[in-house]
Protein backbone atom coordinates (compact mmCIF):
# COMPACT_ATOMS: atom_id res chain seq x y z
CA MET A 1 37.40 -23.70 12.22
CA LEU A 2 36.25 -20.23 11.31
CA GLU A 3 32.75 -19.89 9.91
CA PHE A 4 32.20 -17.09 7.43
CA SER A 5 28.48 -16.90 8.25
CA VAL A 6 29.28 -15.90 11.83
CA PHE A 7 31.26 -12.86 10.78
CA TYR A 8 28.73 -12.06 8.06
CA ARG A 9 25.90 -11.87 10.58
CA LEU A 10 27.98 -9.87 13.05
CA ALA A 11 28.95 -7.47 10.25
CA ALA A 12 25.27 -7.03 9.33
CA SER A 13 24.43 -6.08 12.93
CA ILE A 14 27.32 -3.58 12.96
CA GLY A 15 26.14 -2.07 9.66
CA ILE A 16 22.58 -1.60 10.87
CA GLY A 17 23.74 0.05 14.10
CA LEU A 18 26.15 2.29 12.18
CA ILE A 19 23.51 3.49 9.70
CA ILE A 20 20.89 4.23 12.36
CA GLY A 21 23.55 5.86 14.54
CA MET A 22 24.65 8.18 11.73
CA GLN A 23 21.08 9.33 11.26
CA ARG A 24 20.74 10.02 14.98
CA GLU A 25 24.13 11.76 15.07
CA HIS A 26 22.99 14.06 12.31
CA THR A 27 20.13 15.31 14.50
CA TYR A 28 22.70 16.73 16.93
CA PHE A 29 22.56 19.82 14.77
CA ASP A 30 19.18 20.45 16.36
CA GLN A 31 20.27 22.24 19.54
CA SER A 32 16.80 21.96 21.06
CA ASP A 33 17.02 18.19 21.25
CA ARG A 34 19.18 15.90 23.35
CA HIS A 35 20.24 12.35 22.53
CA PRO A 36 21.52 9.68 24.92
CA ALA A 37 23.43 7.85 22.15
CA GLY A 38 25.36 8.57 18.98
CA VAL A 39 26.89 6.65 16.10
CA ARG A 40 29.41 4.73 18.22
CA THR A 41 26.82 3.70 20.82
CA PHE A 42 24.35 2.53 18.18
CA THR A 43 27.04 0.51 16.41
CA LEU A 44 28.16 -1.16 19.63
CA VAL A 45 24.58 -1.89 20.71
CA GLY A 46 23.82 -3.53 17.35
CA LEU A 47 26.92 -5.68 17.71
CA GLY A 48 26.01 -6.39 21.34
CA GLY A 49 22.57 -7.66 20.31
CA ALA A 50 24.13 -10.12 17.85
CA MET A 51 26.76 -11.27 20.38
CA ALA A 52 24.11 -11.74 23.08
CA ALA A 53 22.05 -13.85 20.68
CA PHE A 54 25.24 -15.79 19.80
CA LEU A 55 25.89 -16.51 23.47
CA ALA A 56 22.25 -17.47 24.00
CA ALA A 57 22.53 -20.02 21.17
CA LEU A 58 25.81 -21.42 22.57
CA MET A 59 24.38 -21.71 26.10
CA ASN A 60 20.98 -22.89 24.88
CA SER A 61 19.41 -20.23 27.12
CA VAL A 62 17.76 -16.85 26.57
CA ALA A 63 19.47 -15.46 29.69
CA PRO A 64 22.38 -13.69 27.88
CA PHE A 65 20.07 -11.93 25.45
CA VAL A 66 17.56 -10.92 28.14
CA THR A 67 20.39 -9.72 30.39
CA GLY A 68 21.78 -7.55 27.59
CA PHE A 69 18.32 -6.12 26.97
CA VAL A 70 17.90 -5.25 30.66
CA VAL A 71 21.37 -3.67 30.82
CA ILE A 72 20.61 -1.46 27.80
CA GLY A 73 17.36 -0.38 29.44
CA LEU A 74 19.05 0.44 32.75
CA LEU A 75 21.74 2.47 30.99
CA LEU A 76 19.11 4.50 29.15
CA VAL A 77 17.19 5.11 32.37
CA ALA A 78 20.41 6.26 34.08
CA SER A 79 21.17 8.55 31.14
CA HIS A 80 17.77 10.24 31.34
CA ILE A 81 18.00 10.60 35.15
CA ALA A 82 21.46 12.13 34.85
CA PHE A 83 20.22 14.56 32.25
CA GLY A 84 17.29 15.52 34.45
CA LEU A 85 19.58 16.24 37.41
CA SER A 86 22.01 18.28 35.33
CA HIS A 87 19.13 20.16 33.77
CA ARG A 88 17.84 21.07 37.28
CA ASP A 89 21.32 22.04 38.52
CA PHE A 90 21.78 24.45 35.62
CA GLY A 91 18.56 26.21 36.50
CA GLY A 92 16.54 25.13 33.48
CA ALA A 93 19.27 25.70 30.91
CA ALA A 94 21.07 22.91 29.18
CA PRO A 95 24.73 22.44 30.07
CA GLY A 96 26.85 24.50 27.75
CA SER A 97 23.96 26.71 26.66
CA ALA A 98 23.42 30.32 27.54
CA GLN A 99 21.34 31.06 30.64
CA GLY A 100 17.81 31.99 29.70
CA SER A 101 17.89 30.25 26.34
CA ALA A 102 15.22 27.75 25.40
CA PRO A 103 15.51 24.69 27.63
CA THR A 104 16.66 21.46 26.12
CA THR A 105 14.04 18.75 25.80
CA SER A 106 14.86 15.12 26.34
CA GLY A 107 12.73 12.84 24.18
CA ILE A 108 12.77 9.06 24.18
CA THR A 109 12.82 8.52 20.39
CA THR A 110 16.56 7.85 20.32
CA SER A 111 16.30 5.57 23.34
CA VAL A 112 13.55 3.53 21.68
CA ALA A 113 15.61 3.38 18.48
CA LEU A 114 18.59 2.11 20.47
CA VAL A 115 16.49 -0.72 21.96
CA ILE A 116 15.22 -1.69 18.50
CA VAL A 117 18.79 -1.74 17.14
CA TYR A 118 19.70 -4.20 19.92
CA LEU A 119 16.79 -6.43 18.86
CA LEU A 120 17.81 -6.11 15.21
CA GLY A 121 21.27 -7.31 16.16
CA GLY A 122 19.64 -10.44 17.56
CA LEU A 123 17.63 -10.91 14.35
CA CYS A 124 20.83 -10.61 12.32
CA TRP A 125 22.42 -13.39 14.31
CA TYR A 126 19.48 -15.71 13.62
CA GLY A 127 19.80 -15.08 9.89
CA GLN A 128 16.82 -12.76 9.43
CA LEU A 129 18.91 -10.30 7.42
CA LEU A 130 16.25 -9.26 4.89
CA GLU A 131 13.69 -8.62 7.62
CA SER A 132 16.27 -6.65 9.61
CA CYS A 133 17.13 -4.46 6.62
CA ILE A 134 13.46 -3.76 5.89
CA ILE A 135 12.87 -2.76 9.53
CA MET A 136 15.98 -0.57 9.39
CA ILE A 137 14.66 1.24 6.29
CA VAL A 138 11.29 1.83 7.95
CA MET A 139 13.06 3.14 11.04
CA LEU A 140 15.17 5.54 8.96
CA TRP A 141 12.04 6.94 7.33
CA ILE A 142 10.26 7.39 10.66
CA LEU A 143 13.28 9.02 12.27
CA THR A 144 13.97 11.31 9.29
CA ALA A 145 10.36 12.37 8.62
CA LYS A 146 9.91 13.92 12.06
CA GLU A 147 8.54 17.27 10.90
CA GLN A 148 6.29 15.74 8.24
CA LEU A 149 4.79 13.24 10.67
CA HIS A 150 4.17 15.87 13.34
CA SER A 151 2.62 18.17 10.74
CA PHE A 152 0.40 15.34 9.52
CA ALA A 153 -0.71 14.53 13.06
CA LYS A 154 -1.70 18.16 13.64
CA LYS A 155 -3.88 18.11 10.52
CA LEU A 156 -5.91 15.13 11.75
CA SER A 157 -9.32 15.74 13.24
CA LYS A 158 -11.27 13.58 15.69
CA GLU A 159 -13.27 12.23 12.73
CA ASP A 160 -10.01 11.17 11.06
CA VAL A 161 -8.92 9.27 14.14
CA LEU A 162 -12.36 7.63 14.39
CA ALA A 163 -12.14 6.59 10.73
CA THR A 164 -8.75 5.01 11.41
CA VAL A 165 -10.24 3.01 14.28
CA LYS A 166 -13.17 1.88 12.11
CA PHE A 167 -10.86 0.79 9.30
CA ALA A 168 -8.68 -1.11 11.79
CA VAL A 169 -11.80 -2.89 13.08
CA ILE A 170 -13.09 -4.02 9.67
CA SER A 171 -9.66 -5.11 8.45
CA GLY A 172 -7.88 -6.33 11.55
CA LEU A 173 -10.70 -7.66 13.74
CA ILE A 174 -13.47 -8.83 11.41
CA LEU A 175 -11.55 -10.17 8.39
CA PRO A 176 -9.43 -12.82 10.18
CA PHE A 177 -12.50 -14.43 11.77
CA LEU A 178 -14.55 -14.84 8.59
CA PRO A 179 -14.50 -18.39 7.13
CA ASN A 180 -12.17 -18.65 4.14
CA GLN A 181 -14.32 -21.28 2.46
CA ALA A 182 -16.41 -21.15 -0.71
CA TYR A 183 -20.13 -21.90 -0.49
CA GLY A 184 -22.72 -22.51 -3.19
CA PRO A 185 -24.18 -25.21 -5.44
CA PRO A 186 -21.76 -27.76 -6.97
CA GLY A 187 -19.55 -26.01 -9.50
CA LEU A 188 -20.64 -22.58 -8.31
CA GLU A 189 -18.74 -22.35 -5.04
CA VAL A 190 -17.97 -18.63 -5.27
CA LEU A 191 -19.63 -17.33 -2.11
CA ASN A 192 -16.56 -16.95 0.07
CA PRO A 193 -17.21 -14.63 3.07
CA HIS A 194 -13.49 -13.95 3.52
CA THR A 195 -13.01 -12.98 -0.14
CA ILE A 196 -16.13 -10.81 -0.19
CA TRP A 197 -15.12 -8.94 2.95
CA LEU A 198 -11.55 -8.63 1.64
CA PHE A 199 -12.96 -6.76 -1.36
CA VAL A 200 -14.90 -4.50 1.01
CA VAL A 201 -11.64 -3.82 2.86
CA PHE A 202 -9.96 -3.08 -0.49
CA ILE A 203 -12.56 -0.48 -1.38
CA SER A 204 -12.44 1.20 2.02
CA GLY A 205 -8.65 0.87 2.25
CA ILE A 206 -7.90 2.50 -1.08
CA GLY A 207 -10.05 5.48 -0.16
CA PHE A 208 -8.39 5.67 3.24
CA ILE A 209 -4.87 5.51 1.79
CA GLY A 210 -5.77 8.15 -0.79
CA TYR A 211 -7.07 10.42 1.97
CA VAL A 212 -3.83 10.00 3.93
CA LEU A 213 -1.74 10.75 0.82
CA ILE A 214 -3.77 13.89 0.12
CA LYS A 215 -3.22 15.03 3.69
CA LEU A 216 0.51 14.34 3.44
CA VAL A 217 1.48 15.64 0.00
CA GLY A 218 -1.55 17.62 -1.18
CA PRO A 219 -4.34 16.85 -3.67
CA GLY A 220 -2.25 16.81 -6.84
CA LYS A 221 0.48 14.35 -5.89
CA GLY A 222 -1.83 12.49 -3.52
CA ILE A 223 -4.29 11.65 -6.30
CA TRP A 224 -1.48 10.54 -8.61
CA LEU A 225 -0.15 8.17 -5.96
CA THR A 226 -3.66 6.95 -5.16
CA GLY A 227 -4.28 6.17 -8.84
CA LEU A 228 -1.05 4.19 -9.07
CA LEU A 229 -1.80 2.22 -5.92
CA GLY A 230 -5.41 1.69 -6.97
CA GLY A 231 -4.35 0.31 -10.34
CA ILE A 232 -2.00 -2.12 -8.62
CA ALA A 233 -4.52 -3.23 -6.00
CA SER A 234 -7.97 -2.89 -7.61
CA SER A 235 -8.93 -0.23 -10.15
CA THR A 236 -12.61 -1.14 -9.66
CA ALA A 237 -12.39 -0.50 -5.93
CA LEU A 238 -10.61 2.80 -6.49
CA THR A 239 -13.17 3.88 -9.09
CA LEU A 240 -16.03 3.14 -6.73
CA ASN A 241 -14.42 5.00 -3.85
CA LEU A 242 -13.31 8.13 -5.71
CA ALA A 243 -16.60 8.37 -7.61
CA GLY A 244 -18.46 8.40 -4.31
CA ARG A 245 -16.02 10.90 -2.79
CA SER A 246 -16.59 13.36 -5.64
CA LYS A 247 -20.15 14.10 -4.50
CA GLU A 248 -18.94 15.38 -1.14
CA ASN A 249 -15.77 16.99 -2.54
CA GLU A 250 -16.82 18.25 -5.96
CA ASP A 251 -13.94 20.74 -6.12
CA TYR A 252 -11.63 17.75 -6.36
CA ALA A 253 -13.61 16.03 -9.15
CA PRO A 254 -10.96 16.80 -11.84
CA ASP A 255 -8.24 15.33 -9.62
CA PHE A 256 -10.40 12.28 -8.92
CA THR A 257 -11.02 11.77 -12.63
CA LEU A 258 -7.28 11.84 -13.27
CA GLY A 259 -6.66 9.28 -10.53
CA ILE A 260 -9.39 6.97 -11.83
CA VAL A 261 -8.19 6.98 -15.43
CA LEU A 262 -4.60 6.50 -14.28
CA SER A 263 -5.66 3.44 -12.26
CA TRP A 264 -7.36 2.00 -15.34
CA SER A 265 -4.11 2.29 -17.30
CA VAL A 266 -2.03 0.81 -14.50
CA MET A 267 -4.50 -2.09 -14.28
CA TYR A 268 -3.64 -3.16 -17.85
CA VAL A 269 0.10 -3.08 -17.12
CA ARG A 270 -0.36 -5.02 -13.88
CA LEU A 271 -2.49 -7.63 -15.65
CA TYR A 272 0.11 -8.03 -18.40
CA LEU A 273 2.87 -8.59 -15.83
CA ILE A 274 0.74 -11.16 -13.99
CA CYS A 275 0.13 -13.05 -17.24
CA ILE A 276 3.78 -13.26 -18.26
CA VAL A 277 4.70 -14.41 -14.75
CA LEU A 278 2.15 -17.22 -15.04
CA SER A 279 3.31 -18.11 -18.53
CA GLY A 280 6.30 -16.43 -20.16
CA SER A 281 5.21 -17.62 -23.61
CA LEU A 282 2.26 -15.17 -23.44
CA ALA A 283 4.49 -12.09 -23.32
CA LYS A 284 4.38 -11.50 -27.08
CA PRO A 285 0.75 -12.50 -27.87
CA LEU A 286 -0.69 -10.39 -25.03
CA ALA A 287 1.52 -7.32 -25.52
CA LEU A 288 -0.75 -5.66 -28.10
CA PRO A 289 -4.20 -6.43 -26.56
CA LEU A 290 -3.17 -5.53 -23.00
CA LEU A 291 -0.73 -2.65 -23.54
CA LEU A 292 -2.31 -0.78 -26.44
CA PRO A 293 -5.36 0.36 -24.36
CA VAL A 294 -2.86 1.95 -21.96
CA VAL A 295 -1.95 4.53 -24.61
CA PRO A 296 -5.32 6.38 -24.82
CA GLY A 297 -5.65 6.14 -21.03
CA LEU A 298 -2.30 7.80 -20.35
CA ALA A 299 -2.86 10.30 -23.16
CA TYR A 300 -6.13 11.40 -21.54
CA VAL A 301 -4.42 11.58 -18.14
CA ALA A 302 -1.81 13.91 -19.67
CA PHE A 303 -4.59 16.01 -21.19
CA LEU A 304 -6.36 16.32 -17.83
CA LYS A 305 -3.10 17.23 -16.12
CA ILE A 306 -2.32 19.97 -18.64
CA ARG A 307 -5.87 21.31 -18.44
CA GLU A 308 -5.85 21.45 -14.66
CA ARG A 309 -2.24 22.50 -14.02
CA ASN A 310 -3.25 26.11 -13.40
CA VAL A 311 -5.86 25.09 -10.82
CA GLN A 312 -4.27 24.97 -7.37
CA HIS A 313 -5.98 23.63 -4.26
CA GLU A 314 -4.36 25.67 -1.54
CA HIS A 315 -6.08 23.83 1.31
CA CYS A 316 -7.16 20.26 1.69
CA GLY A 317 -8.55 20.59 5.18
CA ASP A 318 -12.10 20.65 3.83
CA PHE A 319 -11.61 17.27 2.17
CA SER A 320 -14.11 15.03 3.92
CA ASN A 321 -13.30 11.83 5.71
CA PRO A 322 -13.14 8.81 3.39
CA PHE A 323 -14.67 6.12 5.57
CA HIS A 324 -18.10 5.05 4.35
CA LEU A 325 -18.68 1.33 4.82
CA GLY A 326 -22.21 1.17 3.36
CA PRO A 327 -21.34 1.72 -0.34
CA ALA A 328 -18.41 -0.69 -0.07
CA ILE A 329 -20.64 -3.45 1.33
CA LYS A 330 -23.28 -2.84 -1.35
CA PHE A 331 -20.73 -3.13 -4.12
CA GLY A 332 -19.26 -6.23 -2.48
CA ILE A 333 -22.70 -7.83 -2.79
CA VAL A 334 -23.00 -6.75 -6.44
CA PHE A 335 -19.47 -8.04 -7.11
CA THR A 336 -20.42 -11.44 -5.65
CA CYS A 337 -23.62 -11.63 -7.73
CA VAL A 338 -21.77 -10.86 -10.96
CA MET A 339 -19.12 -13.47 -10.17
CA PHE A 340 -21.88 -16.01 -9.44
CA VAL A 341 -23.60 -15.31 -12.80
CA ALA A 342 -20.27 -15.48 -14.65
CA ASN A 343 -19.42 -18.84 -13.12
CA ALA A 344 -22.93 -20.13 -13.81
CA ALA A 345 -22.50 -19.20 -17.48
CA ARG A 346 -19.16 -21.00 -17.57
CA VAL A 347 -20.55 -24.16 -15.92
CA TYR A 348 -23.85 -24.45 -17.79
CA LEU A 349 -22.92 -22.99 -21.17
CA GLY A 350 -19.49 -24.60 -21.41
CA SER A 351 -16.32 -23.48 -23.13
CA GLY A 352 -18.30 -22.65 -26.26
CA ALA A 353 -19.56 -19.60 -24.43
CA LEU A 354 -16.03 -18.54 -23.43
CA LEU A 355 -16.37 -14.98 -24.72
CA ALA A 356 -19.72 -14.46 -22.99
CA CYS A 357 -18.31 -15.85 -19.76
CA SER A 358 -15.25 -13.62 -20.08
CA PHE A 359 -17.43 -10.58 -20.66
CA LEU A 360 -19.55 -11.33 -17.59
CA GLY A 361 -16.50 -12.13 -15.46
CA GLY A 362 -14.62 -9.04 -16.59
CA ALA A 363 -17.52 -6.88 -15.48
CA ALA A 364 -16.63 -7.87 -11.91
CA GLU A 365 -12.90 -8.56 -11.82
CA MET A 366 -10.23 -8.94 -14.50
CA ASP A 367 -7.89 -11.08 -12.42
CA ALA A 368 -10.44 -13.90 -12.14
CA VAL A 369 -10.79 -14.02 -15.93
CA ALA A 370 -7.01 -13.89 -16.39
CA PHE A 371 -6.36 -16.84 -14.09
CA SER A 372 -9.20 -18.85 -15.64
CA VAL A 373 -8.26 -18.44 -19.31
CA ILE A 374 -4.53 -18.92 -18.67
CA ASP A 375 -5.34 -22.12 -16.79
CA MET A 376 -7.44 -23.26 -19.77
CA HIS A 377 -4.55 -22.38 -22.10
CA LEU A 378 -2.00 -24.35 -20.10
CA LYS A 379 -4.14 -27.38 -19.22
CA SER A 380 -6.80 -27.62 -21.94
CA GLY A 381 -4.91 -26.24 -24.91
CA LEU A 382 -6.97 -23.07 -25.41
CA ASP A 383 -5.59 -21.42 -28.56
CA ILE A 384 -3.97 -17.99 -28.45
CA ARG A 385 -6.65 -16.31 -30.57
CA ASN A 386 -9.50 -17.27 -28.22
CA LEU A 387 -7.35 -16.46 -25.20
CA VAL A 388 -6.68 -12.95 -26.53
CA LEU A 389 -10.34 -12.43 -27.39
CA ALA A 390 -11.33 -13.55 -23.88
CA PHE A 391 -9.03 -10.89 -22.43
CA LEU A 392 -10.39 -8.23 -24.78
CA PHE A 393 -14.05 -8.98 -24.04
CA ALA A 394 -13.30 -9.02 -20.31
CA SER A 395 -11.42 -5.70 -20.45
CA LEU A 396 -14.23 -4.12 -22.51
CA ALA A 397 -16.79 -5.15 -19.89
CA ASN A 398 -14.50 -4.00 -17.09
CA THR A 399 -14.11 -0.53 -18.61
CA LEU A 400 -17.86 -0.22 -19.20
CA THR A 401 -18.57 -1.31 -15.62
CA LYS A 402 -16.17 1.22 -14.13
CA GLY A 403 -17.49 3.92 -16.43
CA GLY A 404 -21.01 3.06 -15.25
CA LEU A 405 -19.91 3.34 -11.62
CA VAL A 406 -18.64 6.84 -12.27
CA PHE A 407 -21.73 7.83 -14.24
CA PHE A 408 -24.20 6.72 -11.56
CA LEU A 409 -22.25 7.48 -8.38
CA SER A 410 -20.11 10.55 -9.05
CA ALA A 411 -20.63 14.30 -9.17
CA LYS A 412 -22.02 15.73 -12.41
CA SER A 413 -18.72 17.34 -13.40
CA MET A 414 -16.93 13.99 -13.15
CA ARG A 415 -19.49 12.26 -15.35
CA LYS A 416 -18.70 14.57 -18.25
CA ALA A 417 -14.96 14.26 -17.70
CA ILE A 418 -14.92 10.45 -17.63
CA VAL A 419 -16.84 9.92 -20.89
CA PRO A 420 -13.86 10.60 -23.23
CA ALA A 421 -11.72 8.10 -21.33
CA VAL A 422 -14.38 5.40 -21.56
CA VAL A 423 -14.97 6.09 -25.26
CA LEU A 424 -11.25 6.11 -26.13
CA ILE A 425 -10.37 2.92 -24.26
CA CYS A 426 -13.50 1.08 -25.49
CA ALA A 427 -12.82 2.21 -29.07
CA VAL A 428 -9.28 0.84 -28.97
CA THR A 429 -10.50 -2.39 -27.34
CA GLY A 430 -13.31 -2.73 -29.89
CA GLY A 431 -10.83 -2.21 -32.72
CA LEU A 432 -8.61 -4.95 -31.32
CA ILE A 433 -11.61 -7.31 -31.05
CA ALA A 434 -12.44 -6.67 -34.71
CA PHE A 435 -8.79 -7.28 -35.62
CA TYR A 436 -8.59 -10.65 -33.84
CA MET A 437 -12.06 -11.83 -34.88
């Protein structure tokens, strides 16, 4: 009996090989490069990977798949050896090219891609179709962005490479080994080493990603993208990082201000989406208190963009390296202290002090307040009015906290530029509090 899933998985492996092969075939237009495989070879190798995995499953042995992998490797080695011999026989000129022209170079990018396509064929057979497609998309970007990646690599300094290593150490080596367990007195178990260090990684990571984006696409677009990512991840962390960066890169202070205010606006939208995912019934009641403050934020971003559109940063090579662990650790400690005080107020003052607790909690992190009050709404019957007021008090404290970070940590020019944003957003939030009170 025929099984549709078998042909579906084989077809997926063929499709992946075909798409990657077409991209590689397109690079044949570059006469200075040489490829050991084209669209047909990639398609067949993808299919071969799935068939080898199929045979391995039927035989209950990895031998067919490993054998296919070895055969692909040997064929690629033979292809490169044959090219090297023909290249020598033609006296340094590629076959078919004019004598004395630039010699053809034989890279291994296509060979590596061919091996990965074989492995993706195996993944397709085992039903990992989504993972295979995601890997394929990443491969297409890497293969297509050859010039951009090489240009980016040339712009990196030794300090940039060292910063990358440091960031890898704090995120990949330290974080997994910290205990993911909350410590503290009964009811105040908020001292979680893993969570605290994760926030430190957030702060350092957002600055690092922003630095990479600025190197790749320039200050203007890089800051816009950094603001969007910061608003999605943690607008507080982004504010802290960019405020600190402005002292060493004061020429970029207007761009940093734009990125910070944009992250504040994105934070409101992200929070609204989180709330309606947790409880769809909150979509209407929270629309006004969480989306209205976005309007003055985006309006001020537009104003900053118009004001600065004639200012062009022709070079970003003088932009200093973003990795400074000390400030991130200090703010992680402050963040933990504020969360401890907020939880203490909630435990010892009770639900009657909900607004005070929300204000204190919002000064550190909006998400914690959001999860807490929505949980109270769903389990304890917290009414919509108090829920909305809790959000508003938390967002007011959050904006004031981030404004304070900029005022105390940033360059002088940024302090003046951030004041209108703080005033506008706080004024709208204060008006909403008065409306709901």
